[in-house]
Amino acid sequence: MLSVDEHPLLSLAAFTTEFPAALSELAVPDWLGAALAIDADVPLGRDEDVRKAGRDLLRHGGYKPTGRGKPASEYLVRAAGEGKLGSINLAVDACNATSLHSGIPISVVDLDRTRAPLSIAIAAKETAYVFNASGQEIDVGGLLCLFDADGPCANGVKDAQRTKTSDETRRTLSIVWGHVDHAPNVERAAKWYREALERAGATTAPAAS
């Protein structure tokens, strides 16, 4: 269901998740909510080398991962450090907890809001999409992105508003945007991420490429 263009720096993990009910009907377990804290006891570890490599990955196609365009994982570290990383829903909380503690950017999209085919490639110059409910846009030119039939919809910086999870979401696709030099970190992050979702009652499966 997912094709991936060749990329010299990318170590990617992708999987789908099916929830037993709509996200609005599923409570976030206490243990998962606690994992959103910066000092949570989670068997993942971020470090400066992983952070720098993540920026190198996003920079490869010409994108500049700085300022408001920095990797999502860096935003999470800052928000959690300030005590401002709150719960959203089961799907997003599991994603955020994994990204926070691994230091690796991760995307999660509502599969039922995408249109096949799905692929991963570098976006062309002057490509942009709306990333929040206020209608703000991000220029994703040169950035490695997830695409569906309507264009780019997710990346390691900000996911598109049109494919974000909602109260009705029951199926998601998660992308762990890792650097090849830290492939074992990517594998550990994806493993913990899937285990957390399954512990919370969801079912996960690898996304074929």
N, C-alpha and C. Protein backbone atom coordinates (compact mmCIF):
# COMPACT_ATOMS: atom_id res chain seq x y z
N MET A 1 0.81 -1.22 0.00
CA MET A 1 0.00 0.00 0.00
C MET A 1 0.84 1.26 0.00
N LEU A 2 2.17 1.12 0.19
CA LEU A 2 3.03 2.29 0.30
C LEU A 2 4.30 2.07 -0.50
N SER A 3 4.57 2.96 -1.46
CA SER A 3 5.82 2.87 -2.22
C SER A 3 6.77 3.95 -1.72
N VAL A 4 8.06 3.65 -1.72
CA VAL A 4 9.06 4.56 -1.18
C VAL A 4 10.15 4.79 -2.21
N ASP A 5 10.37 6.05 -2.59
CA ASP A 5 11.46 6.38 -3.51
C ASP A 5 12.80 6.09 -2.83
N GLU A 6 13.79 5.75 -3.63
CA GLU A 6 15.12 5.54 -3.08
C GLU A 6 15.65 6.84 -2.49
N HIS A 7 16.29 6.72 -1.35
CA HIS A 7 16.82 7.90 -0.64
C HIS A 7 18.06 7.45 0.12
N PRO A 8 19.19 8.12 -0.06
CA PRO A 8 20.44 7.64 0.54
C PRO A 8 20.51 7.75 2.06
N LEU A 9 19.65 8.56 2.67
CA LEU A 9 19.74 8.79 4.12
C LEU A 9 18.56 8.22 4.91
N LEU A 10 17.56 7.72 4.22
CA LEU A 10 16.32 7.34 4.90
C LEU A 10 16.32 5.92 5.45
N SER A 11 16.00 5.82 6.73
CA SER A 11 15.68 4.54 7.36
C SER A 11 14.26 4.69 7.90
N LEU A 12 13.32 4.08 7.24
CA LEU A 12 11.91 4.33 7.51
C LEU A 12 11.23 3.12 8.11
N ALA A 13 10.33 3.38 9.06
CA ALA A 13 9.44 2.34 9.57
C ALA A 13 8.02 2.83 9.34
N ALA A 14 7.17 1.99 8.80
CA ALA A 14 5.79 2.38 8.52
C ALA A 14 4.85 1.25 8.89
N PHE A 15 3.77 1.60 9.55
CA PHE A 15 2.78 0.58 9.91
C PHE A 15 1.40 1.19 10.01
N THR A 16 0.41 0.34 9.86
CA THR A 16 -0.98 0.77 10.00
C THR A 16 -1.50 0.34 11.36
N THR A 17 -2.49 1.05 11.83
CA THR A 17 -3.14 0.72 13.11
C THR A 17 -4.65 0.73 12.92
N GLU A 18 -5.31 -0.27 13.46
CA GLU A 18 -6.77 -0.30 13.46
C GLU A 18 -7.24 -0.28 14.92
N PHE A 19 -8.09 0.67 15.23
CA PHE A 19 -8.59 0.84 16.59
C PHE A 19 -9.93 0.13 16.76
N PRO A 20 -10.23 -0.33 17.96
CA PRO A 20 -11.48 -1.08 18.18
C PRO A 20 -12.73 -0.22 18.12
N ALA A 21 -12.56 1.09 18.14
CA ALA A 21 -13.68 2.02 18.06
C ALA A 21 -13.12 3.35 17.58
N ALA A 22 -14.02 4.30 17.34
CA ALA A 22 -13.57 5.64 16.97
C ALA A 22 -12.75 6.23 18.11
N LEU A 23 -11.77 7.08 17.78
CA LEU A 23 -10.88 7.62 18.80
C LEU A 23 -11.64 8.37 19.90
N SER A 24 -12.75 8.99 19.55
CA SER A 24 -13.52 9.73 20.56
C SER A 24 -14.09 8.81 21.62
N GLU A 25 -14.18 7.51 21.32
CA GLU A 25 -14.75 6.55 22.26
C GLU A 25 -13.69 5.82 23.08
N LEU A 26 -12.42 6.11 22.80
CA LEU A 26 -11.32 5.39 23.45
C LEU A 26 -10.58 6.30 24.43
N ALA A 27 -10.50 5.86 25.67
CA ALA A 27 -9.76 6.62 26.68
C ALA A 27 -8.26 6.39 26.50
N VAL A 28 -7.49 7.41 26.82
CA VAL A 28 -6.03 7.28 26.81
C VAL A 28 -5.61 6.67 28.14
N PRO A 29 -4.96 5.52 28.14
CA PRO A 29 -4.55 4.89 29.40
C PRO A 29 -3.64 5.80 30.22
N ASP A 30 -3.72 5.68 31.52
CA ASP A 30 -2.89 6.52 32.40
C ASP A 30 -1.41 6.38 32.09
N TRP A 31 -0.96 5.15 31.81
CA TRP A 31 0.46 4.92 31.56
C TRP A 31 0.93 5.63 30.29
N LEU A 32 0.03 5.75 29.31
CA LEU A 32 0.40 6.44 28.07
C LEU A 32 0.41 7.95 28.29
N GLY A 33 -0.57 8.44 29.02
CA GLY A 33 -0.57 9.86 29.35
C GLY A 33 0.68 10.26 30.11
N ALA A 34 1.12 9.39 31.01
CA ALA A 34 2.32 9.68 31.79
C ALA A 34 3.57 9.70 30.92
N ALA A 35 3.54 8.96 29.80
CA ALA A 35 4.70 8.90 28.91
C ALA A 35 4.92 10.20 28.14
N LEU A 36 3.99 11.14 28.24
CA LEU A 36 4.16 12.44 27.59
C LEU A 36 5.02 13.38 28.41
N ALA A 37 5.43 12.96 29.60
CA ALA A 37 6.30 13.78 30.44
C ALA A 37 7.74 13.63 29.98
N ILE A 38 8.50 14.70 30.06
CA ILE A 38 9.88 14.70 29.58
C ILE A 38 10.75 13.69 30.30
N ASP A 39 10.44 13.41 31.58
CA ASP A 39 11.26 12.49 32.37
C ASP A 39 10.59 11.13 32.58
N ALA A 40 9.66 10.78 31.71
CA ALA A 40 8.96 9.50 31.84
C ALA A 40 9.93 8.32 31.70
N ASP A 41 9.61 7.24 32.39
CA ASP A 41 10.43 6.03 32.35
C ASP A 41 10.02 5.20 31.13
N VAL A 42 10.69 5.46 30.02
CA VAL A 42 10.38 4.80 28.75
C VAL A 42 11.68 4.23 28.18
N PRO A 43 11.65 3.00 27.64
CA PRO A 43 12.89 2.36 27.15
C PRO A 43 13.35 2.88 25.79
N LEU A 44 13.37 4.18 25.64
CA LEU A 44 13.87 4.83 24.44
C LEU A 44 14.79 5.95 24.89
N GLY A 45 15.70 6.35 24.02
CA GLY A 45 16.60 7.43 24.41
C GLY A 45 16.97 8.31 23.24
N ARG A 46 16.82 9.60 23.40
CA ARG A 46 17.23 10.54 22.36
C ARG A 46 18.62 11.05 22.69
N ASP A 47 19.36 11.45 21.67
CA ASP A 47 20.66 12.04 21.90
C ASP A 47 20.95 13.06 20.80
N GLU A 48 22.03 13.79 20.96
CA GLU A 48 22.35 14.87 20.04
C GLU A 48 22.67 14.35 18.65
N ASP A 49 23.30 13.20 18.54
CA ASP A 49 23.62 12.65 17.22
C ASP A 49 22.35 12.32 16.44
N VAL A 50 21.36 11.77 17.13
CA VAL A 50 20.09 11.45 16.47
C VAL A 50 19.41 12.74 16.02
N ARG A 51 19.44 13.76 16.86
CA ARG A 51 18.81 15.04 16.51
C ARG A 51 19.46 15.64 15.26
N LYS A 52 20.80 15.66 15.23
CA LYS A 52 21.50 16.23 14.09
C LYS A 52 21.25 15.42 12.82
N ALA A 53 21.24 14.10 12.96
CA ALA A 53 21.00 13.25 11.80
C ALA A 53 19.59 13.46 11.25
N GLY A 54 18.63 13.69 12.14
CA GLY A 54 17.26 13.96 11.71
C GLY A 54 17.19 15.22 10.86
N ARG A 55 17.93 16.23 11.26
CA ARG A 55 17.97 17.46 10.46
C ARG A 55 18.65 17.22 9.12
N ASP A 56 19.72 16.42 9.12
CA ASP A 56 20.40 16.11 7.86
C ASP A 56 19.47 15.40 6.89
N LEU A 57 18.65 14.49 7.41
CA LEU A 57 17.69 13.78 6.57
C LEU A 57 16.73 14.74 5.90
N LEU A 58 16.18 15.66 6.68
CA LEU A 58 15.20 16.60 6.13
C LEU A 58 15.85 17.62 5.20
N ARG A 59 17.13 17.89 5.43
CA ARG A 59 17.86 18.88 4.63
C ARG A 59 18.28 18.35 3.27
N HIS A 60 18.30 17.03 3.11
CA HIS A 60 18.87 16.40 1.91
C HIS A 60 18.28 16.93 0.60
N GLY A 61 16.99 17.17 0.54
CA GLY A 61 16.36 17.61 -0.71
C GLY A 61 16.35 19.11 -0.90
N GLY A 62 16.97 19.84 0.02
CA GLY A 62 17.03 21.29 -0.11
C GLY A 62 16.20 22.03 0.92
N TYR A 63 15.44 21.32 1.72
CA TYR A 63 14.62 21.94 2.77
C TYR A 63 15.52 22.44 3.90
N LYS A 64 15.12 23.53 4.55
CA LYS A 64 15.88 24.07 5.68
C LYS A 64 15.11 23.83 6.99
N PRO A 65 15.51 22.84 7.79
CA PRO A 65 14.79 22.47 9.01
C PRO A 65 15.15 23.35 10.21
N THR A 66 14.81 24.61 10.14
CA THR A 66 15.13 25.53 11.22
C THR A 66 13.89 26.34 11.60
N GLY A 67 13.98 27.03 12.74
CA GLY A 67 12.87 27.88 13.18
C GLY A 67 11.58 27.12 13.30
N ARG A 68 10.52 27.65 12.72
CA ARG A 68 9.22 26.97 12.76
C ARG A 68 9.18 25.73 11.89
N GLY A 69 10.22 25.55 11.08
CA GLY A 69 10.28 24.39 10.21
C GLY A 69 11.16 23.28 10.75
N LYS A 70 11.47 23.33 12.04
CA LYS A 70 12.33 22.30 12.63
C LYS A 70 11.57 20.98 12.76
N PRO A 71 12.30 19.88 12.93
CA PRO A 71 11.65 18.57 13.08
C PRO A 71 10.64 18.55 14.22
N ALA A 72 9.55 17.83 14.01
CA ALA A 72 8.48 17.77 15.01
C ALA A 72 8.97 17.25 16.35
N SER A 73 9.94 16.34 16.32
CA SER A 73 10.46 15.78 17.57
C SER A 73 11.10 16.85 18.44
N GLU A 74 11.72 17.84 17.84
CA GLU A 74 12.34 18.92 18.61
C GLU A 74 11.28 19.81 19.25
N TYR A 75 10.20 20.03 18.55
CA TYR A 75 9.08 20.77 19.14
C TYR A 75 8.53 20.04 20.35
N LEU A 76 8.40 18.72 20.25
CA LEU A 76 7.86 17.93 21.36
C LEU A 76 8.74 18.01 22.59
N VAL A 77 10.06 17.95 22.38
CA VAL A 77 10.99 18.05 23.51
C VAL A 77 10.83 19.38 24.22
N ARG A 78 10.70 20.44 23.44
CA ARG A 78 10.53 21.76 24.05
C ARG A 78 9.21 21.85 24.79
N ALA A 79 8.13 21.39 24.15
CA ALA A 79 6.81 21.47 24.78
C ALA A 79 6.76 20.64 26.06
N ALA A 80 7.32 19.43 26.02
CA ALA A 80 7.31 18.57 27.21
C ALA A 80 8.17 19.17 28.31
N GLY A 81 9.30 19.76 27.94
CA GLY A 81 10.18 20.38 28.93
C GLY A 81 9.53 21.54 29.63
N GLU A 82 8.60 22.20 28.94
CA GLU A 82 7.86 23.33 29.53
C GLU A 82 6.56 22.88 30.17
N GLY A 83 6.31 21.56 30.17
CA GLY A 83 5.08 21.03 30.75
C GLY A 83 3.84 21.34 29.94
N LYS A 84 4.02 21.53 28.63
CA LYS A 84 2.91 21.94 27.77
C LYS A 84 2.49 20.87 26.75
N LEU A 85 3.01 19.66 26.90
CA LEU A 85 2.64 18.60 25.97
C LEU A 85 1.45 17.84 26.55
N GLY A 86 0.27 18.18 26.08
CA GLY A 86 -0.95 17.58 26.62
C GLY A 86 -1.46 16.43 25.77
N SER A 87 -2.45 15.74 26.31
CA SER A 87 -3.07 14.62 25.61
C SER A 87 -4.01 15.12 24.51
N ILE A 88 -4.03 14.42 23.37
CA ILE A 88 -4.93 14.75 22.26
C ILE A 88 -5.89 13.59 22.00
N ASN A 89 -5.37 12.45 21.68
CA ASN A 89 -6.17 11.22 21.55
C ASN A 89 -5.18 10.06 21.57
N LEU A 90 -5.71 8.85 21.60
CA LEU A 90 -4.86 7.67 21.73
C LEU A 90 -3.83 7.58 20.61
N ALA A 91 -4.25 7.82 19.38
CA ALA A 91 -3.34 7.70 18.24
C ALA A 91 -2.22 8.72 18.30
N VAL A 92 -2.57 9.97 18.55
CA VAL A 92 -1.57 11.03 18.58
C VAL A 92 -0.68 10.94 19.81
N ASP A 93 -1.26 10.58 20.94
CA ASP A 93 -0.45 10.48 22.17
C ASP A 93 0.63 9.41 22.04
N ALA A 94 0.29 8.27 21.45
CA ALA A 94 1.29 7.21 21.26
C ALA A 94 2.39 7.69 20.32
N CYS A 95 2.00 8.38 19.27
CA CYS A 95 2.97 8.95 18.33
C CYS A 95 3.87 9.95 19.03
N ASN A 96 3.27 10.88 19.76
CA ASN A 96 4.05 11.93 20.42
C ASN A 96 4.99 11.38 21.49
N ALA A 97 4.52 10.42 22.25
CA ALA A 97 5.37 9.84 23.30
C ALA A 97 6.58 9.15 22.68
N THR A 98 6.37 8.44 21.58
CA THR A 98 7.48 7.75 20.92
C THR A 98 8.47 8.75 20.33
N SER A 99 7.96 9.75 19.66
CA SER A 99 8.83 10.76 19.05
C SER A 99 9.60 11.55 20.10
N LEU A 100 8.92 11.91 21.17
CA LEU A 100 9.55 12.66 22.27
C LEU A 100 10.76 11.92 22.82
N HIS A 101 10.59 10.65 23.12
CA HIS A 101 11.64 9.92 23.83
C HIS A 101 12.68 9.28 22.91
N SER A 102 12.35 9.12 21.64
CA SER A 102 13.33 8.59 20.68
C SER A 102 14.11 9.71 20.01
N GLY A 103 13.51 10.91 19.97
CA GLY A 103 14.13 12.02 19.28
C GLY A 103 13.99 11.94 17.76
N ILE A 104 13.10 11.07 17.29
CA ILE A 104 12.90 10.85 15.85
C ILE A 104 11.53 11.40 15.44
N PRO A 105 11.46 12.19 14.37
CA PRO A 105 10.16 12.70 13.90
C PRO A 105 9.26 11.55 13.45
N ILE A 106 7.97 11.67 13.75
CA ILE A 106 7.00 10.64 13.37
C ILE A 106 5.72 11.32 12.89
N SER A 107 5.13 10.77 11.85
CA SER A 107 3.84 11.24 11.34
C SER A 107 2.77 10.20 11.63
N VAL A 108 1.56 10.66 11.88
CA VAL A 108 0.41 9.76 11.95
C VAL A 108 -0.75 10.42 11.22
N VAL A 109 -1.33 9.69 10.26
CA VAL A 109 -2.44 10.23 9.47
C VAL A 109 -3.63 9.28 9.51
N ASP A 110 -4.80 9.84 9.28
CA ASP A 110 -6.02 9.06 9.20
C ASP A 110 -6.09 8.42 7.82
N LEU A 111 -6.01 7.10 7.75
CA LEU A 111 -6.00 6.42 6.45
C LEU A 111 -7.27 6.69 5.66
N ASP A 112 -8.38 6.85 6.33
CA ASP A 112 -9.63 7.07 5.62
C ASP A 112 -9.78 8.50 5.10
N ARG A 113 -8.83 9.35 5.43
CA ARG A 113 -8.81 10.70 4.87
C ARG A 113 -7.80 10.82 3.73
N THR A 114 -7.12 9.73 3.42
CA THR A 114 -6.19 9.73 2.29
C THR A 114 -6.84 9.04 1.09
N ARG A 115 -6.23 9.27 -0.08
CA ARG A 115 -6.69 8.60 -1.30
C ARG A 115 -5.50 7.91 -1.95
N ALA A 116 -5.65 6.63 -2.22
CA ALA A 116 -4.58 5.86 -2.86
C ALA A 116 -4.28 6.44 -4.25
N PRO A 117 -3.02 6.26 -4.70
CA PRO A 117 -1.92 5.52 -4.07
C PRO A 117 -1.15 6.36 -3.05
N LEU A 118 -0.48 5.68 -2.13
CA LEU A 118 0.35 6.35 -1.14
C LEU A 118 1.82 6.11 -1.47
N SER A 119 2.62 7.15 -1.32
CA SER A 119 4.04 7.04 -1.65
C SER A 119 4.84 8.00 -0.80
N ILE A 120 6.15 7.78 -0.76
CA ILE A 120 7.06 8.68 -0.05
C ILE A 120 8.12 9.16 -1.03
N ALA A 121 8.24 10.49 -1.11
CA ALA A 121 9.16 11.10 -2.06
C ALA A 121 9.45 12.52 -1.59
N ILE A 122 10.40 13.17 -2.26
CA ILE A 122 10.72 14.56 -1.94
C ILE A 122 9.79 15.48 -2.71
N ALA A 123 9.19 16.43 -2.02
CA ALA A 123 8.24 17.35 -2.64
C ALA A 123 8.96 18.34 -3.56
N ALA A 124 8.30 18.70 -4.64
CA ALA A 124 8.86 19.66 -5.58
C ALA A 124 8.92 21.05 -4.95
N LYS A 125 9.75 21.90 -5.51
CA LYS A 125 9.87 23.27 -5.03
C LYS A 125 8.53 23.99 -5.11
N GLU A 126 8.33 24.90 -4.18
CA GLU A 126 7.12 25.73 -4.12
C GLU A 126 5.86 24.90 -3.92
N THR A 127 6.00 23.79 -3.20
CA THR A 127 4.85 22.98 -2.81
C THR A 127 4.48 23.33 -1.38
N ALA A 128 3.19 23.50 -1.11
CA ALA A 128 2.75 23.87 0.24
C ALA A 128 1.42 23.22 0.56
N TYR A 129 1.12 23.12 1.86
CA TYR A 129 -0.21 22.68 2.26
C TYR A 129 -0.57 23.29 3.61
N VAL A 130 -1.86 23.27 3.92
CA VAL A 130 -2.37 23.77 5.20
C VAL A 130 -2.08 22.73 6.27
N PHE A 131 -1.53 23.19 7.41
CA PHE A 131 -1.16 22.24 8.45
C PHE A 131 -1.94 22.39 9.75
N ASN A 132 -2.82 23.38 9.85
CA ASN A 132 -3.62 23.48 11.07
C ASN A 132 -5.01 24.02 10.76
N ALA A 133 -5.86 24.01 11.77
CA ALA A 133 -7.26 24.40 11.59
C ALA A 133 -7.41 25.89 11.30
N SER A 134 -6.37 26.67 11.57
CA SER A 134 -6.42 28.11 11.30
C SER A 134 -6.11 28.44 9.85
N GLY A 135 -5.71 27.44 9.08
CA GLY A 135 -5.43 27.65 7.67
C GLY A 135 -4.00 28.05 7.35
N GLN A 136 -3.10 27.94 8.33
CA GLN A 136 -1.69 28.28 8.08
C GLN A 136 -1.05 27.24 7.17
N GLU A 137 -0.15 27.70 6.31
CA GLU A 137 0.51 26.82 5.36
C GLU A 137 1.98 26.64 5.69
N ILE A 138 2.52 25.50 5.28
CA ILE A 138 3.95 25.23 5.36
C ILE A 138 4.44 24.95 3.95
N ASP A 139 5.57 25.54 3.60
CA ASP A 139 6.23 25.26 2.32
C ASP A 139 7.06 23.99 2.50
N VAL A 140 6.69 22.93 1.80
CA VAL A 140 7.37 21.64 1.95
C VAL A 140 8.28 21.32 0.78
N GLY A 141 8.57 22.31 -0.04
CA GLY A 141 9.46 22.10 -1.17
C GLY A 141 10.81 21.57 -0.71
N GLY A 142 11.27 20.47 -1.32
CA GLY A 142 12.54 19.87 -0.96
C GLY A 142 12.49 18.96 0.25
N LEU A 143 11.30 18.79 0.84
CA LEU A 143 11.15 17.99 2.05
C LEU A 143 10.60 16.61 1.74
N LEU A 144 11.17 15.60 2.35
CA LEU A 144 10.68 14.23 2.21
C LEU A 144 9.28 14.13 2.80
N CYS A 145 8.32 13.69 2.00
CA CYS A 145 6.91 13.70 2.42
C CYS A 145 6.20 12.39 2.08
N LEU A 146 5.13 12.15 2.81
CA LEU A 146 4.14 11.15 2.42
C LEU A 146 3.16 11.82 1.46
N PHE A 147 2.90 11.18 0.33
CA PHE A 147 1.95 11.67 -0.66
C PHE A 147 0.77 10.72 -0.77
N ASP A 148 -0.40 11.30 -1.05
CA ASP A 148 -1.53 10.49 -1.52
C ASP A 148 -1.93 11.05 -2.88
N ALA A 149 -3.08 10.64 -3.41
CA ALA A 149 -3.48 11.08 -4.75
C ALA A 149 -3.69 12.58 -4.84
N ASP A 150 -3.89 13.24 -3.71
CA ASP A 150 -4.14 14.68 -3.71
C ASP A 150 -2.90 15.50 -3.40
N GLY A 151 -1.74 14.85 -3.22
CA GLY A 151 -0.51 15.58 -2.97
C GLY A 151 0.12 15.21 -1.65
N PRO A 152 1.13 15.99 -1.21
CA PRO A 152 1.80 15.69 0.05
C PRO A 152 0.86 15.89 1.23
N CYS A 153 1.01 15.03 2.25
CA CYS A 153 0.09 15.13 3.39
C CYS A 153 0.75 14.89 4.74
N ALA A 154 2.05 14.60 4.76
CA ALA A 154 2.73 14.40 6.04
C ALA A 154 4.23 14.41 5.81
N ASN A 155 4.95 14.75 6.87
CA ASN A 155 6.41 14.73 6.83
C ASN A 155 6.93 14.81 8.25
N GLY A 156 8.25 14.93 8.40
CA GLY A 156 8.83 14.97 9.73
C GLY A 156 8.75 16.30 10.43
N VAL A 157 8.06 17.27 9.82
CA VAL A 157 7.93 18.60 10.41
C VAL A 157 6.49 18.88 10.85
N LYS A 158 5.58 18.94 9.89
CA LYS A 158 4.16 19.18 10.19
C LYS A 158 3.30 18.40 9.21
N ASP A 159 2.32 17.69 9.73
CA ASP A 159 1.40 16.93 8.89
C ASP A 159 0.27 17.82 8.40
N ALA A 160 -0.31 17.46 7.27
CA ALA A 160 -1.39 18.25 6.67
C ALA A 160 -2.67 18.16 7.50
N GLN A 161 -3.38 19.27 7.56
CA GLN A 161 -4.64 19.30 8.29
C GLN A 161 -5.65 18.32 7.70
N ARG A 162 -5.63 18.17 6.38
CA ARG A 162 -6.67 17.37 5.72
C ARG A 162 -6.60 15.88 6.05
N THR A 163 -5.46 15.40 6.53
CA THR A 163 -5.35 13.98 6.84
C THR A 163 -5.07 13.70 8.32
N LYS A 164 -5.18 14.73 9.15
CA LYS A 164 -4.96 14.52 10.58
C LYS A 164 -6.07 13.68 11.18
N THR A 165 -5.79 13.07 12.31
CA THR A 165 -6.80 12.28 13.01
C THR A 165 -7.91 13.18 13.53
N SER A 166 -9.08 12.58 13.75
CA SER A 166 -10.24 13.28 14.29
C SER A 166 -10.95 12.36 15.27
N ASP A 167 -12.05 12.83 15.81
CA ASP A 167 -12.84 12.01 16.73
C ASP A 167 -13.32 10.72 16.07
N GLU A 168 -13.50 10.76 14.73
CA GLU A 168 -14.06 9.61 14.02
C GLU A 168 -13.00 8.62 13.55
N THR A 169 -11.74 8.94 13.70
CA THR A 169 -10.67 8.09 13.17
C THR A 169 -10.70 6.68 13.76
N ARG A 170 -10.56 5.70 12.86
CA ARG A 170 -10.47 4.30 13.29
C ARG A 170 -9.26 3.59 12.71
N ARG A 171 -8.65 4.17 11.66
CA ARG A 171 -7.48 3.55 11.02
C ARG A 171 -6.43 4.62 10.77
N THR A 172 -5.19 4.32 11.08
CA THR A 172 -4.12 5.29 10.85
C THR A 172 -2.92 4.64 10.16
N LEU A 173 -2.10 5.50 9.58
CA LEU A 173 -0.80 5.10 9.05
C LEU A 173 0.24 5.92 9.79
N SER A 174 1.26 5.25 10.31
CA SER A 174 2.35 5.93 11.02
C SER A 174 3.64 5.78 10.24
N ILE A 175 4.40 6.87 10.16
CA ILE A 175 5.69 6.89 9.49
C ILE A 175 6.75 7.38 10.46
N VAL A 176 7.77 6.56 10.70
CA VAL A 176 8.91 6.95 11.53
C VAL A 176 10.02 7.38 10.59
N TRP A 177 10.35 8.69 10.62
CA TRP A 177 11.29 9.27 9.66
C TRP A 177 12.71 9.22 10.22
N GLY A 178 13.40 8.09 10.06
CA GLY A 178 14.71 7.92 10.65
C GLY A 178 15.86 8.07 9.66
N HIS A 179 17.04 8.29 10.21
CA HIS A 179 18.27 8.40 9.43
C HIS A 179 18.95 7.04 9.38
N VAL A 180 19.53 6.71 8.23
CA VAL A 180 20.14 5.40 8.05
C VAL A 180 21.27 5.12 9.05
N ASP A 181 21.95 6.15 9.51
CA ASP A 181 23.02 5.96 10.49
C ASP A 181 22.49 5.55 11.86
N HIS A 182 21.19 5.68 12.05
CA HIS A 182 20.59 5.34 13.35
C HIS A 182 19.42 4.37 13.15
N ALA A 183 19.59 3.45 12.21
CA ALA A 183 18.54 2.47 11.92
C ALA A 183 18.10 1.66 13.15
N PRO A 184 19.02 1.24 14.04
CA PRO A 184 18.58 0.52 15.23
C PRO A 184 17.65 1.36 16.11
N ASN A 185 17.89 2.67 16.18
CA ASN A 185 17.01 3.55 16.95
C ASN A 185 15.62 3.59 16.34
N VAL A 186 15.58 3.59 15.02
CA VAL A 186 14.29 3.58 14.31
C VAL A 186 13.53 2.30 14.62
N GLU A 187 14.22 1.18 14.59
CA GLU A 187 13.58 -0.11 14.88
C GLU A 187 13.05 -0.15 16.31
N ARG A 188 13.85 0.34 17.26
CA ARG A 188 13.41 0.34 18.66
C ARG A 188 12.20 1.24 18.85
N ALA A 189 12.23 2.40 18.22
CA ALA A 189 11.12 3.34 18.35
C ALA A 189 9.84 2.74 17.78
N ALA A 190 9.93 2.16 16.58
CA ALA A 190 8.74 1.57 15.96
C ALA A 190 8.21 0.41 16.78
N LYS A 191 9.11 -0.40 17.34
CA LYS A 191 8.69 -1.53 18.16
C LYS A 191 7.94 -1.05 19.40
N TRP A 192 8.49 -0.07 20.12
CA TRP A 192 7.81 0.43 21.32
C TRP A 192 6.48 1.09 20.96
N TYR A 193 6.47 1.84 19.88
CA TYR A 193 5.27 2.52 19.40
C TYR A 193 4.15 1.52 19.15
N ARG A 194 4.46 0.46 18.40
CA ARG A 194 3.44 -0.55 18.10
C ARG A 194 3.00 -1.28 19.36
N GLU A 195 3.95 -1.59 20.23
CA GLU A 195 3.59 -2.28 21.47
C GLU A 195 2.67 -1.41 22.33
N ALA A 196 2.92 -0.11 22.35
CA ALA A 196 2.07 0.79 23.13
C ALA A 196 0.65 0.81 22.59
N LEU A 197 0.52 0.89 21.27
CA LEU A 197 -0.81 0.88 20.66
C LEU A 197 -1.54 -0.43 20.91
N GLU A 198 -0.82 -1.54 20.80
CA GLU A 198 -1.45 -2.85 21.00
C GLU A 198 -1.82 -3.05 22.46
N ARG A 199 -0.99 -2.55 23.36
CA ARG A 199 -1.32 -2.62 24.78
C ARG A 199 -2.61 -1.84 25.08
N ALA A 200 -2.84 -0.79 24.29
CA ALA A 200 -4.04 0.02 24.49
C ALA A 200 -5.25 -0.53 23.73
N GLY A 201 -5.10 -1.71 23.09
CA GLY A 201 -6.24 -2.39 22.48
C GLY A 201 -6.31 -2.29 20.97
N ALA A 202 -5.35 -1.64 20.31
CA ALA A 202 -5.36 -1.51 18.87
C ALA A 202 -4.63 -2.68 18.22
N THR A 203 -4.76 -2.79 16.91
CA THR A 203 -4.08 -3.80 16.13
C THR A 203 -3.18 -3.12 15.12
N THR A 204 -1.92 -3.54 15.03
CA THR A 204 -1.00 -2.92 14.08
C THR A 204 -0.48 -3.94 13.07
N ALA A 205 -0.03 -3.43 11.93
CA ALA A 205 0.53 -4.30 10.88
C ALA A 205 1.50 -3.48 10.05
N PRO A 206 2.59 -4.09 9.57
CA PRO A 206 3.53 -3.36 8.73
C PRO A 206 2.85 -2.83 7.47
N ALA A 207 3.29 -1.67 7.02
CA ALA A 207 2.78 -1.11 5.78
C ALA A 207 3.69 -1.59 4.65
N ALA A 208 3.17 -2.38 3.76
CA ALA A 208 3.98 -2.98 2.69
C ALA A 208 4.48 -1.89 1.76
N SER A 209 5.66 -2.13 1.20
CA SER A 209 6.22 -1.19 0.22
C SER A 209 6.56 -1.92 -1.06
